[in-house]
N, C-alpha and C. Protein backbone atom coordinates (compact mmCIF):
# COMPACT_ATOMS: atom_id res chain seq x y z
N MET A 1 0.41 -10.32 8.52
CA MET A 1 0.00 -11.38 9.42
C MET A 1 0.69 -12.67 8.98
N THR A 2 1.15 -13.42 9.92
CA THR A 2 1.77 -14.71 9.62
C THR A 2 0.76 -15.84 9.80
N ALA A 3 1.08 -17.02 9.30
CA ALA A 3 0.21 -18.19 9.47
C ALA A 3 -0.01 -18.47 10.96
N SER A 4 1.03 -18.36 11.76
CA SER A 4 0.92 -18.59 13.19
C SER A 4 -0.08 -17.63 13.84
N GLU A 5 0.00 -16.35 13.47
CA GLU A 5 -0.93 -15.35 14.02
C GLU A 5 -2.36 -15.65 13.58
N LEU A 6 -2.54 -16.03 12.32
CA LEU A 6 -3.87 -16.35 11.81
C LEU A 6 -4.44 -17.58 12.53
N ILE A 7 -3.64 -18.61 12.66
CA ILE A 7 -4.09 -19.84 13.33
C ILE A 7 -4.49 -19.54 14.77
N GLN A 8 -3.68 -18.76 15.46
CA GLN A 8 -3.98 -18.39 16.85
C GLN A 8 -5.33 -17.68 16.93
N HIS A 9 -5.59 -16.76 16.01
CA HIS A 9 -6.87 -16.05 16.01
C HIS A 9 -8.02 -16.98 15.63
N LEU A 10 -7.81 -17.84 14.64
CA LEU A 10 -8.88 -18.75 14.20
C LEU A 10 -9.29 -19.70 15.33
N HIS A 11 -8.36 -20.08 16.19
CA HIS A 11 -8.68 -20.96 17.31
C HIS A 11 -9.64 -20.32 18.31
N THR A 12 -9.78 -18.99 18.27
CA THR A 12 -10.69 -18.30 19.20
C THR A 12 -12.11 -18.21 18.65
N LEU A 13 -12.32 -18.61 17.39
CA LEU A 13 -13.62 -18.47 16.75
C LEU A 13 -14.41 -19.77 16.77
N PRO A 14 -15.74 -19.66 16.76
CA PRO A 14 -16.55 -20.86 16.60
C PRO A 14 -16.22 -21.52 15.25
N PRO A 15 -16.20 -22.87 15.19
CA PRO A 15 -15.80 -23.55 13.96
C PRO A 15 -16.66 -23.23 12.73
N ASP A 16 -17.89 -22.79 12.92
CA ASP A 16 -18.75 -22.50 11.78
C ASP A 16 -18.69 -21.03 11.33
N THR A 17 -17.71 -20.28 11.84
CA THR A 17 -17.56 -18.88 11.44
C THR A 17 -17.14 -18.81 9.98
N ARG A 18 -17.88 -18.03 9.19
CA ARG A 18 -17.56 -17.86 7.77
C ARG A 18 -16.35 -16.93 7.65
N ILE A 19 -15.40 -17.29 6.79
CA ILE A 19 -14.22 -16.47 6.52
C ILE A 19 -14.38 -15.91 5.11
N VAL A 20 -14.27 -14.59 4.95
CA VAL A 20 -14.51 -13.94 3.67
C VAL A 20 -13.36 -13.00 3.32
N VAL A 21 -13.34 -12.56 2.06
CA VAL A 21 -12.41 -11.52 1.61
C VAL A 21 -13.23 -10.38 1.03
N ARG A 22 -12.65 -9.20 0.99
CA ARG A 22 -13.36 -8.05 0.46
C ARG A 22 -13.66 -8.22 -1.02
N GLY A 23 -14.82 -7.71 -1.42
CA GLY A 23 -15.20 -7.72 -2.82
C GLY A 23 -14.41 -6.68 -3.60
N TYR A 24 -14.60 -6.68 -4.90
CA TYR A 24 -13.85 -5.77 -5.77
C TYR A 24 -14.06 -4.31 -5.40
N GLU A 25 -15.30 -3.89 -5.26
CA GLU A 25 -15.59 -2.51 -4.87
C GLU A 25 -16.31 -2.43 -3.54
N HIS A 26 -17.27 -3.31 -3.31
CA HIS A 26 -18.05 -3.28 -2.08
C HIS A 26 -18.35 -4.70 -1.65
N GLY A 27 -18.73 -4.87 -0.40
CA GLY A 27 -19.18 -6.17 0.08
C GLY A 27 -18.05 -7.15 0.31
N TYR A 28 -18.44 -8.41 0.46
CA TYR A 28 -17.49 -9.48 0.77
C TYR A 28 -17.81 -10.72 -0.05
N ASN A 29 -16.81 -11.57 -0.27
CA ASN A 29 -16.96 -12.82 -1.01
C ASN A 29 -16.37 -13.97 -0.22
N ASP A 30 -16.87 -15.18 -0.49
CA ASP A 30 -16.28 -16.37 0.10
C ASP A 30 -14.89 -16.59 -0.48
N ILE A 31 -14.01 -17.20 0.31
CA ILE A 31 -12.70 -17.60 -0.17
C ILE A 31 -12.89 -18.87 -0.99
N LEU A 32 -12.41 -18.85 -2.22
CA LEU A 32 -12.57 -19.99 -3.11
C LEU A 32 -11.30 -20.82 -3.26
N ASN A 33 -10.16 -20.19 -3.01
CA ASN A 33 -8.90 -20.88 -3.24
C ASN A 33 -7.79 -20.19 -2.47
N LEU A 34 -6.76 -20.92 -2.14
CA LEU A 34 -5.55 -20.37 -1.54
C LEU A 34 -4.43 -20.63 -2.54
N LYS A 35 -3.67 -19.59 -2.84
CA LYS A 35 -2.62 -19.70 -3.85
C LYS A 35 -1.29 -19.26 -3.25
N ALA A 36 -0.27 -20.08 -3.38
CA ALA A 36 1.06 -19.71 -2.93
C ALA A 36 1.64 -18.70 -3.92
N VAL A 37 2.21 -17.62 -3.39
CA VAL A 37 2.82 -16.58 -4.22
C VAL A 37 4.13 -16.14 -3.60
N LYS A 38 4.99 -15.55 -4.40
CA LYS A 38 6.22 -14.92 -3.93
C LYS A 38 6.00 -13.42 -4.06
N ILE A 39 6.26 -12.68 -2.99
CA ILE A 39 6.00 -11.24 -2.97
C ILE A 39 7.19 -10.48 -2.40
N LYS A 40 7.19 -9.18 -2.69
CA LYS A 40 8.14 -8.28 -2.06
C LYS A 40 7.44 -6.95 -1.83
N LEU A 41 7.97 -6.17 -0.92
CA LEU A 41 7.42 -4.86 -0.60
C LEU A 41 7.49 -3.96 -1.82
N ASN A 42 6.42 -3.24 -2.08
CA ASN A 42 6.39 -2.27 -3.18
C ASN A 42 6.60 -0.89 -2.57
N PRO A 43 7.80 -0.36 -2.60
CA PRO A 43 8.08 0.92 -1.93
C PRO A 43 7.38 2.10 -2.57
N ASN A 44 6.88 1.95 -3.80
CA ASN A 44 6.21 3.04 -4.50
C ASN A 44 4.70 2.91 -4.51
N ALA A 45 4.15 2.06 -3.66
CA ALA A 45 2.71 1.82 -3.66
C ALA A 45 1.95 3.02 -3.08
N TYR A 46 0.89 3.38 -3.76
CA TYR A 46 -0.01 4.41 -3.26
C TYR A 46 -1.00 3.77 -2.30
N ARG A 47 -1.79 4.60 -1.64
CA ARG A 47 -2.76 4.13 -0.66
C ARG A 47 -3.73 3.10 -1.23
N TRP A 48 -4.09 3.23 -2.49
CA TRP A 48 -5.07 2.34 -3.12
C TRP A 48 -4.43 1.14 -3.80
N VAL A 49 -3.12 1.00 -3.69
CA VAL A 49 -2.39 -0.12 -4.29
C VAL A 49 -1.85 -0.99 -3.15
N GLY A 50 -1.86 -2.28 -3.35
CA GLY A 50 -1.37 -3.18 -2.32
C GLY A 50 0.06 -2.89 -1.89
N GLU A 51 0.35 -3.16 -0.63
CA GLU A 51 1.67 -2.89 -0.06
C GLU A 51 2.75 -3.80 -0.65
N TYR A 52 2.34 -4.97 -1.16
CA TYR A 52 3.27 -5.94 -1.74
C TYR A 52 2.93 -6.17 -3.21
N GLU A 53 3.92 -6.68 -3.97
CA GLU A 53 3.71 -7.04 -5.35
C GLU A 53 4.34 -8.41 -5.61
N VAL A 54 3.83 -9.10 -6.62
CA VAL A 54 4.39 -10.40 -7.00
C VAL A 54 5.82 -10.19 -7.47
N SER A 55 6.71 -11.12 -7.09
CA SER A 55 8.11 -10.96 -7.45
C SER A 55 8.78 -12.32 -7.68
N THR A 56 9.72 -12.33 -8.61
CA THR A 56 10.56 -13.52 -8.83
C THR A 56 11.98 -13.27 -8.33
N ASP A 57 12.20 -12.14 -7.67
CA ASP A 57 13.52 -11.81 -7.13
C ASP A 57 13.95 -12.83 -6.07
N ALA A 58 15.24 -12.99 -5.91
CA ALA A 58 15.78 -13.96 -4.95
C ALA A 58 15.36 -13.63 -3.51
N ASP A 59 15.14 -12.36 -3.21
CA ASP A 59 14.78 -11.98 -1.84
C ASP A 59 13.26 -11.93 -1.61
N ALA A 60 12.47 -12.39 -2.60
CA ALA A 60 11.01 -12.43 -2.43
C ALA A 60 10.65 -13.42 -1.32
N ILE A 61 9.55 -13.13 -0.62
CA ILE A 61 9.12 -14.01 0.47
C ILE A 61 7.88 -14.78 0.05
N GLY A 62 7.71 -15.97 0.61
CA GLY A 62 6.53 -16.78 0.33
C GLY A 62 5.32 -16.26 1.08
N ALA A 63 4.17 -16.29 0.44
CA ALA A 63 2.93 -15.84 1.07
C ALA A 63 1.78 -16.66 0.48
N ILE A 64 0.61 -16.55 1.11
CA ILE A 64 -0.59 -17.21 0.62
C ILE A 64 -1.60 -16.13 0.23
N ASP A 65 -2.08 -16.20 -0.99
CA ASP A 65 -3.09 -15.28 -1.50
C ASP A 65 -4.45 -15.94 -1.35
N LEU A 66 -5.34 -15.31 -0.58
CA LEU A 66 -6.71 -15.82 -0.41
C LEU A 66 -7.54 -15.28 -1.56
N LEU A 67 -7.99 -16.16 -2.44
CA LEU A 67 -8.72 -15.74 -3.63
C LEU A 67 -10.22 -15.90 -3.41
N GLY A 68 -10.98 -14.90 -3.79
CA GLY A 68 -12.42 -14.96 -3.69
C GLY A 68 -13.07 -14.13 -4.77
N GLU A 69 -14.28 -14.50 -5.16
CA GLU A 69 -15.03 -13.71 -6.13
C GLU A 69 -16.51 -14.01 -5.95
N ASN A 70 -17.33 -13.13 -6.48
CA ASN A 70 -18.78 -13.30 -6.42
C ASN A 70 -19.17 -14.42 -7.37
N GLN A 71 -19.70 -15.51 -6.84
CA GLN A 71 -20.10 -16.65 -7.66
C GLN A 71 -21.52 -16.51 -8.21
N HIS A 72 -22.26 -15.50 -7.76
CA HIS A 72 -23.65 -15.33 -8.18
C HIS A 72 -23.94 -13.86 -8.55
N PRO A 73 -23.19 -13.31 -9.53
CA PRO A 73 -23.42 -11.90 -9.88
C PRO A 73 -24.77 -11.70 -10.56
N LYS A 74 -25.39 -10.58 -10.27
CA LYS A 74 -26.68 -10.24 -10.88
C LYS A 74 -26.51 -9.64 -12.27
N ASP A 75 -25.31 -9.21 -12.59
CA ASP A 75 -25.05 -8.58 -13.89
C ASP A 75 -24.13 -9.46 -14.72
N ASP A 76 -24.45 -10.71 -14.85
CA ASP A 76 -23.60 -11.67 -15.56
C ASP A 76 -23.50 -11.27 -17.04
N LEU A 77 -22.65 -10.30 -17.31
CA LEU A 77 -22.52 -9.77 -18.65
C LEU A 77 -21.71 -10.71 -19.53
N LYS A 78 -22.18 -10.92 -20.69
CA LYS A 78 -21.46 -11.73 -21.69
C LYS A 78 -20.89 -10.79 -22.74
N TRP A 79 -19.60 -10.88 -22.98
CA TRP A 79 -18.98 -10.02 -23.99
C TRP A 79 -19.36 -10.54 -25.36
N LYS A 80 -19.88 -9.65 -26.18
CA LYS A 80 -20.34 -10.02 -27.52
C LYS A 80 -19.48 -9.32 -28.55
N LYS A 81 -19.16 -10.01 -29.64
CA LYS A 81 -18.47 -9.37 -30.75
C LYS A 81 -19.49 -8.59 -31.55
N ILE A 82 -19.09 -7.38 -31.94
CA ILE A 82 -19.98 -6.51 -32.70
C ILE A 82 -19.59 -6.51 -34.15
């Protein structure tokens, strides 16, 4: 999807529509940040791996990564040294 396609679709929604990203395993999270990245097609990607990968190659294309995470986890585990 390009920015133009996204903008066109967003214009059809009520302004208070929440925009979310998929959670790590289940559910959805709020978008917390937008990050510019350079990506290229990953020709060896399996079904469970993203179609693109981060790249510094000259032919990499610019993209925006929508970052989100659960801000209120119920299992807020703290790593302890044993």
